[in-house]
Amino acid sequence: MIFTADTAGELARDWVEAWNSHNLDRIMSHYAEDVILISPVAAKLLNEPSGTVTGKKALGNYFKKGLEVYPDLKFELLDVMWGVSSVVLYYINQKGTKTGEFMEVCSRGKVTKVVAHYNG
């Protein structure tokens, strides 16, 4: 998948809307079966020092837990950057923390890798 400003923006807006809806099925529709996520929040919530979540089923379980722990979860998209087959979403969460998520996307338009970064 080769991104343009329009396709990257569309993916980003739909991803944020899915999270803000708290609809797990809608959220998970963005991810490939073999997805890998690396996040300091995953390290904390899952008590997994590497912060790595592997596979769509495990990712769904992690996201479900996150939605339970953060019932007021809400994202506000600030910016979207795109590469050939990746995007970076830059947003603020419900706690006011700025977040940058690097996402690799396969030819089917599904996210295969996420690396999350936070400023607080």
N, C-alpha and C. Protein backbone atom coordinates (compact mmCIF):
# COMPACT_ATOMS: atom_id res chain seq x y z
N MET A 1 0.84 -1.18 0.00
CA MET A 1 0.00 0.00 0.00
C MET A 1 0.89 1.24 0.00
N ILE A 2 0.67 2.11 -0.95
CA ILE A 2 1.40 3.37 -1.00
C ILE A 2 0.45 4.47 -0.55
N PHE A 3 0.86 5.20 0.48
CA PHE A 3 0.00 6.23 1.04
C PHE A 3 0.12 7.55 0.31
N THR A 4 -0.98 8.29 0.35
CA THR A 4 -1.04 9.69 -0.05
C THR A 4 -1.59 10.45 1.15
N ALA A 5 -1.63 11.75 1.07
CA ALA A 5 -2.22 12.55 2.15
C ALA A 5 -3.66 12.11 2.40
N ASP A 6 -4.40 11.84 1.34
CA ASP A 6 -5.80 11.46 1.49
C ASP A 6 -5.97 10.09 2.12
N THR A 7 -5.22 9.09 1.64
CA THR A 7 -5.41 7.74 2.19
C THR A 7 -4.89 7.65 3.62
N ALA A 8 -3.80 8.33 3.92
CA ALA A 8 -3.28 8.34 5.29
C ALA A 8 -4.27 9.04 6.22
N GLY A 9 -4.81 10.15 5.78
CA GLY A 9 -5.79 10.88 6.58
C GLY A 9 -7.05 10.08 6.82
N GLU A 10 -7.49 9.37 5.81
CA GLU A 10 -8.69 8.53 5.95
C GLU A 10 -8.46 7.42 6.97
N LEU A 11 -7.33 6.73 6.87
CA LEU A 11 -7.02 5.68 7.83
C LEU A 11 -6.97 6.26 9.25
N ALA A 12 -6.29 7.39 9.41
CA ALA A 12 -6.13 8.01 10.72
C ALA A 12 -7.47 8.42 11.32
N ARG A 13 -8.31 9.06 10.54
CA ARG A 13 -9.62 9.50 11.04
C ARG A 13 -10.48 8.31 11.42
N ASP A 14 -10.49 7.27 10.59
CA ASP A 14 -11.30 6.10 10.90
C ASP A 14 -10.78 5.39 12.15
N TRP A 15 -9.47 5.33 12.30
CA TRP A 15 -8.85 4.69 13.47
C TRP A 15 -9.23 5.44 14.75
N VAL A 16 -9.14 6.77 14.72
CA VAL A 16 -9.49 7.58 15.90
C VAL A 16 -10.99 7.44 16.21
N GLU A 17 -11.82 7.50 15.18
CA GLU A 17 -13.26 7.35 15.39
C GLU A 17 -13.59 5.98 15.99
N ALA A 18 -12.90 4.95 15.54
CA ALA A 18 -13.12 3.60 16.08
C ALA A 18 -12.78 3.57 17.57
N TRP A 19 -11.62 4.12 17.93
CA TRP A 19 -11.25 4.15 19.34
C TRP A 19 -12.22 4.98 20.16
N ASN A 20 -12.63 6.12 19.65
CA ASN A 20 -13.54 6.99 20.40
C ASN A 20 -14.92 6.37 20.55
N SER A 21 -15.28 5.43 19.68
CA SER A 21 -16.56 4.72 19.78
C SER A 21 -16.51 3.63 20.85
N HIS A 22 -15.30 3.20 21.23
CA HIS A 22 -15.07 2.11 22.18
C HIS A 22 -15.62 0.78 21.65
N ASN A 23 -15.82 0.69 20.34
CA ASN A 23 -16.33 -0.53 19.72
C ASN A 23 -15.13 -1.40 19.34
N LEU A 24 -14.91 -2.47 20.12
CA LEU A 24 -13.72 -3.30 19.94
C LEU A 24 -13.66 -3.92 18.54
N ASP A 25 -14.77 -4.37 18.01
CA ASP A 25 -14.77 -4.96 16.67
C ASP A 25 -14.33 -3.94 15.63
N ARG A 26 -14.82 -2.72 15.77
CA ARG A 26 -14.43 -1.67 14.83
C ARG A 26 -12.95 -1.33 14.97
N ILE A 27 -12.47 -1.28 16.19
CA ILE A 27 -11.04 -1.03 16.43
C ILE A 27 -10.21 -2.13 15.77
N MET A 28 -10.58 -3.37 16.03
CA MET A 28 -9.79 -4.51 15.56
C MET A 28 -9.84 -4.67 14.04
N SER A 29 -10.81 -4.06 13.38
CA SER A 29 -10.91 -4.18 11.92
C SER A 29 -9.70 -3.56 11.21
N HIS A 30 -8.92 -2.78 11.92
CA HIS A 30 -7.75 -2.13 11.32
C HIS A 30 -6.49 -3.01 11.31
N TYR A 31 -6.53 -4.14 12.00
CA TYR A 31 -5.30 -4.91 12.24
C TYR A 31 -5.28 -6.24 11.52
N ALA A 32 -4.07 -6.63 11.07
CA ALA A 32 -3.84 -7.93 10.43
C ALA A 32 -3.75 -9.02 11.49
N GLU A 33 -3.95 -10.25 11.07
CA GLU A 33 -3.88 -11.40 12.00
C GLU A 33 -2.52 -11.51 12.67
N ASP A 34 -1.45 -11.18 11.96
CA ASP A 34 -0.10 -11.36 12.47
C ASP A 34 0.51 -10.07 13.03
N VAL A 35 -0.34 -9.15 13.47
CA VAL A 35 0.10 -7.86 13.96
C VAL A 35 1.03 -7.98 15.17
N ILE A 36 1.95 -7.05 15.28
CA ILE A 36 2.83 -6.93 16.45
C ILE A 36 2.72 -5.49 16.94
N LEU A 37 2.48 -5.33 18.23
CA LEU A 37 2.42 -4.01 18.84
C LEU A 37 3.47 -3.93 19.93
N ILE A 38 4.17 -2.80 20.00
CA ILE A 38 5.17 -2.56 21.05
C ILE A 38 4.81 -1.24 21.69
N SER A 39 4.56 -1.26 23.01
CA SER A 39 4.08 -0.06 23.68
C SER A 39 4.44 -0.08 25.17
N PRO A 40 4.85 1.05 25.71
CA PRO A 40 5.08 1.11 27.15
C PRO A 40 3.78 0.93 27.96
N VAL A 41 2.65 1.29 27.38
CA VAL A 41 1.38 1.05 28.08
C VAL A 41 1.09 -0.44 28.14
N ALA A 42 1.39 -1.17 27.07
CA ALA A 42 1.23 -2.63 27.09
C ALA A 42 2.14 -3.24 28.15
N ALA A 43 3.36 -2.73 28.25
CA ALA A 43 4.29 -3.23 29.28
C ALA A 43 3.67 -3.09 30.67
N LYS A 44 3.04 -1.96 30.92
CA LYS A 44 2.43 -1.69 32.22
C LYS A 44 1.17 -2.52 32.45
N LEU A 45 0.22 -2.46 31.51
CA LEU A 45 -1.06 -3.14 31.70
C LEU A 45 -0.94 -4.66 31.71
N LEU A 46 0.00 -5.18 30.94
CA LEU A 46 0.14 -6.63 30.82
C LEU A 46 1.27 -7.19 31.69
N ASN A 47 1.95 -6.30 32.39
CA ASN A 47 3.09 -6.71 33.21
C ASN A 47 4.08 -7.52 32.36
N GLU A 48 4.36 -6.96 31.17
CA GLU A 48 5.25 -7.59 30.20
C GLU A 48 6.35 -6.60 29.87
N PRO A 49 7.54 -6.78 30.44
CA PRO A 49 8.61 -5.77 30.29
C PRO A 49 8.93 -5.37 28.85
N SER A 50 8.77 -6.27 27.89
CA SER A 50 9.08 -5.93 26.50
C SER A 50 8.01 -5.04 25.88
N GLY A 51 6.83 -5.00 26.48
CA GLY A 51 5.73 -4.21 25.93
C GLY A 51 5.21 -4.73 24.61
N THR A 52 5.51 -5.99 24.29
CA THR A 52 5.16 -6.56 22.99
C THR A 52 3.90 -7.41 23.08
N VAL A 53 3.00 -7.17 22.14
CA VAL A 53 1.79 -7.97 21.98
C VAL A 53 1.83 -8.54 20.57
N THR A 54 1.69 -9.86 20.44
CA THR A 54 1.83 -10.53 19.15
C THR A 54 0.53 -11.24 18.77
N GLY A 55 0.01 -10.93 17.61
CA GLY A 55 -1.18 -11.59 17.08
C GLY A 55 -2.45 -10.82 17.38
N LYS A 56 -3.41 -10.95 16.48
CA LYS A 56 -4.65 -10.19 16.57
C LYS A 56 -5.48 -10.57 17.81
N LYS A 57 -5.51 -11.84 18.15
CA LYS A 57 -6.30 -12.27 19.32
C LYS A 57 -5.72 -11.65 20.60
N ALA A 58 -4.40 -11.73 20.76
CA ALA A 58 -3.76 -11.15 21.94
C ALA A 58 -3.94 -9.63 21.96
N LEU A 59 -3.87 -9.01 20.78
CA LEU A 59 -4.06 -7.57 20.69
C LEU A 59 -5.48 -7.19 21.10
N GLY A 60 -6.45 -7.95 20.65
CA GLY A 60 -7.84 -7.70 21.05
C GLY A 60 -8.03 -7.80 22.55
N ASN A 61 -7.40 -8.80 23.17
CA ASN A 61 -7.48 -8.94 24.63
C ASN A 61 -6.84 -7.74 25.34
N TYR A 62 -5.71 -7.29 24.83
CA TYR A 62 -5.04 -6.12 25.39
C TYR A 62 -5.90 -4.88 25.24
N PHE A 63 -6.46 -4.66 24.06
CA PHE A 63 -7.30 -3.49 23.84
C PHE A 63 -8.55 -3.54 24.71
N LYS A 64 -9.12 -4.72 24.87
CA LYS A 64 -10.30 -4.87 25.74
C LYS A 64 -9.95 -4.45 27.16
N LYS A 65 -8.81 -4.90 27.64
CA LYS A 65 -8.36 -4.52 28.98
C LYS A 65 -8.14 -3.00 29.06
N GLY A 66 -7.54 -2.44 28.04
CA GLY A 66 -7.31 -1.00 28.01
C GLY A 66 -8.60 -0.20 28.06
N LEU A 67 -9.62 -0.64 27.32
CA LEU A 67 -10.91 0.04 27.35
C LEU A 67 -11.57 -0.07 28.72
N GLU A 68 -11.34 -1.17 29.42
CA GLU A 68 -11.88 -1.34 30.77
C GLU A 68 -11.14 -0.45 31.77
N VAL A 69 -9.82 -0.38 31.66
CA VAL A 69 -8.99 0.41 32.59
C VAL A 69 -9.20 1.91 32.35
N TYR A 70 -9.43 2.29 31.10
CA TYR A 70 -9.61 3.70 30.74
C TYR A 70 -11.00 3.90 30.12
N PRO A 71 -12.06 3.87 30.94
CA PRO A 71 -13.42 3.99 30.40
C PRO A 71 -13.71 5.34 29.74
N ASP A 72 -12.92 6.36 30.06
CA ASP A 72 -13.11 7.68 29.46
C ASP A 72 -12.14 7.92 28.30
N LEU A 73 -11.55 6.85 27.77
CA LEU A 73 -10.57 6.96 26.70
C LEU A 73 -11.13 7.77 25.53
N LYS A 74 -10.33 8.71 25.07
CA LYS A 74 -10.71 9.54 23.93
C LYS A 74 -9.43 10.06 23.29
N PHE A 75 -9.38 10.03 21.96
CA PHE A 75 -8.23 10.52 21.22
C PHE A 75 -8.62 11.73 20.38
N GLU A 76 -7.71 12.69 20.30
CA GLU A 76 -7.87 13.84 19.43
C GLU A 76 -6.68 13.88 18.48
N LEU A 77 -6.95 13.66 17.20
CA LEU A 77 -5.90 13.60 16.19
C LEU A 77 -5.30 14.98 15.97
N LEU A 78 -3.97 15.07 16.06
CA LEU A 78 -3.25 16.32 15.82
C LEU A 78 -2.62 16.38 14.44
N ASP A 79 -2.05 15.23 14.01
CA ASP A 79 -1.35 15.22 12.73
C ASP A 79 -1.19 13.79 12.25
N VAL A 80 -0.99 13.66 10.95
CA VAL A 80 -0.74 12.37 10.31
C VAL A 80 0.44 12.55 9.37
N MET A 81 1.41 11.65 9.48
CA MET A 81 2.54 11.63 8.56
C MET A 81 2.53 10.28 7.85
N TRP A 82 2.96 10.24 6.62
CA TRP A 82 2.91 8.98 5.88
C TRP A 82 4.20 8.74 5.13
N GLY A 83 4.46 7.46 4.93
CA GLY A 83 5.58 7.00 4.14
C GLY A 83 5.04 6.13 3.02
N VAL A 84 5.88 5.27 2.51
CA VAL A 84 5.47 4.40 1.41
C VAL A 84 4.42 3.40 1.89
N SER A 85 4.69 2.71 2.98
CA SER A 85 3.75 1.70 3.50
C SER A 85 3.57 1.84 5.00
N SER A 86 3.66 3.06 5.49
CA SER A 86 3.51 3.29 6.92
C SER A 86 2.94 4.68 7.18
N VAL A 87 2.37 4.83 8.36
CA VAL A 87 1.86 6.12 8.81
C VAL A 87 2.31 6.34 10.25
N VAL A 88 2.34 7.61 10.63
CA VAL A 88 2.53 7.98 12.03
C VAL A 88 1.33 8.83 12.41
N LEU A 89 0.62 8.38 13.43
CA LEU A 89 -0.51 9.14 13.96
C LEU A 89 -0.03 9.87 15.20
N TYR A 90 -0.29 11.15 15.25
CA TYR A 90 0.12 11.98 16.38
C TYR A 90 -1.17 12.52 16.99
N TYR A 91 -1.40 12.19 18.27
CA TYR A 91 -2.68 12.56 18.89
C TYR A 91 -2.50 12.80 20.38
N ILE A 92 -3.55 13.35 20.97
CA ILE A 92 -3.62 13.57 22.42
C ILE A 92 -4.68 12.61 22.97
N ASN A 93 -4.36 11.97 24.10
CA ASN A 93 -5.36 11.08 24.70
C ASN A 93 -6.14 11.81 25.80
N GLN A 94 -7.02 11.09 26.46
CA GLN A 94 -7.92 11.66 27.47
C GLN A 94 -7.18 12.26 28.66
N LYS A 95 -5.94 11.89 28.88
CA LYS A 95 -5.15 12.44 29.98
C LYS A 95 -4.31 13.64 29.54
N GLY A 96 -4.41 14.00 28.27
CA GLY A 96 -3.63 15.11 27.75
C GLY A 96 -2.23 14.71 27.33
N THR A 97 -1.96 13.41 27.32
CA THR A 97 -0.65 12.90 26.91
C THR A 97 -0.56 12.89 25.39
N LYS A 98 0.53 13.43 24.87
CA LYS A 98 0.77 13.37 23.43
C LYS A 98 1.33 12.00 23.09
N THR A 99 0.83 11.44 22.00
CA THR A 99 1.19 10.09 21.59
C THR A 99 1.53 10.08 20.10
N GLY A 100 2.56 9.33 19.74
CA GLY A 100 2.90 9.09 18.35
C GLY A 100 2.92 7.59 18.11
N GLU A 101 2.13 7.12 17.16
CA GLU A 101 2.11 5.70 16.83
C GLU A 101 2.57 5.50 15.39
N PHE A 102 3.69 4.79 15.25
CA PHE A 102 4.19 4.38 13.95
C PHE A 102 3.48 3.08 13.58
N MET A 103 2.88 3.04 12.40
CA MET A 103 2.15 1.84 11.96
C MET A 103 2.59 1.43 10.57
N GLU A 104 3.04 0.18 10.44
CA GLU A 104 3.29 -0.40 9.13
C GLU A 104 1.99 -1.02 8.65
N VAL A 105 1.70 -0.85 7.36
CA VAL A 105 0.44 -1.30 6.79
C VAL A 105 0.72 -2.18 5.58
N CYS A 106 0.06 -3.34 5.52
CA CYS A 106 0.27 -4.27 4.41
C CYS A 106 -0.54 -3.85 3.19
N SER A 107 -0.39 -4.57 2.11
CA SER A 107 -1.05 -4.25 0.85
C SER A 107 -2.57 -4.34 0.95
N ARG A 108 -3.08 -5.06 1.95
CA ARG A 108 -4.53 -5.16 2.16
C ARG A 108 -5.08 -4.02 3.00
N GLY A 109 -4.18 -3.09 3.41
CA GLY A 109 -4.61 -1.94 4.20
C GLY A 109 -4.74 -2.21 5.69
N LYS A 110 -4.20 -3.34 6.14
CA LYS A 110 -4.27 -3.70 7.56
C LYS A 110 -2.94 -3.41 8.25
N VAL A 111 -3.02 -2.98 9.49
CA VAL A 111 -1.83 -2.65 10.26
C VAL A 111 -1.14 -3.95 10.69
N THR A 112 0.16 -4.05 10.39
CA THR A 112 0.92 -5.24 10.73
C THR A 112 1.90 -5.01 11.88
N LYS A 113 2.26 -3.74 12.12
CA LYS A 113 3.19 -3.43 13.21
C LYS A 113 2.87 -2.04 13.74
N VAL A 114 2.89 -1.93 15.06
CA VAL A 114 2.68 -0.66 15.74
C VAL A 114 3.80 -0.46 16.76
N VAL A 115 4.38 0.71 16.76
CA VAL A 115 5.32 1.10 17.82
C VAL A 115 4.81 2.41 18.38
N ALA A 116 4.41 2.38 19.65
CA ALA A 116 3.79 3.54 20.29
C ALA A 116 4.80 4.30 21.15
N HIS A 117 4.67 5.61 21.14
CA HIS A 117 5.54 6.50 21.90
C HIS A 117 4.70 7.53 22.63
N TYR A 118 5.08 7.89 23.86
CA TYR A 118 4.30 8.82 24.68
C TYR A 118 5.22 9.88 25.27
N ASN A 119 4.64 11.04 25.59
CA ASN A 119 5.45 12.09 26.19
C ASN A 119 5.19 12.24 27.68
N GLY A 120 4.41 11.37 28.25
CA GLY A 120 4.16 11.49 29.69
C GLY A 120 3.48 10.30 30.26
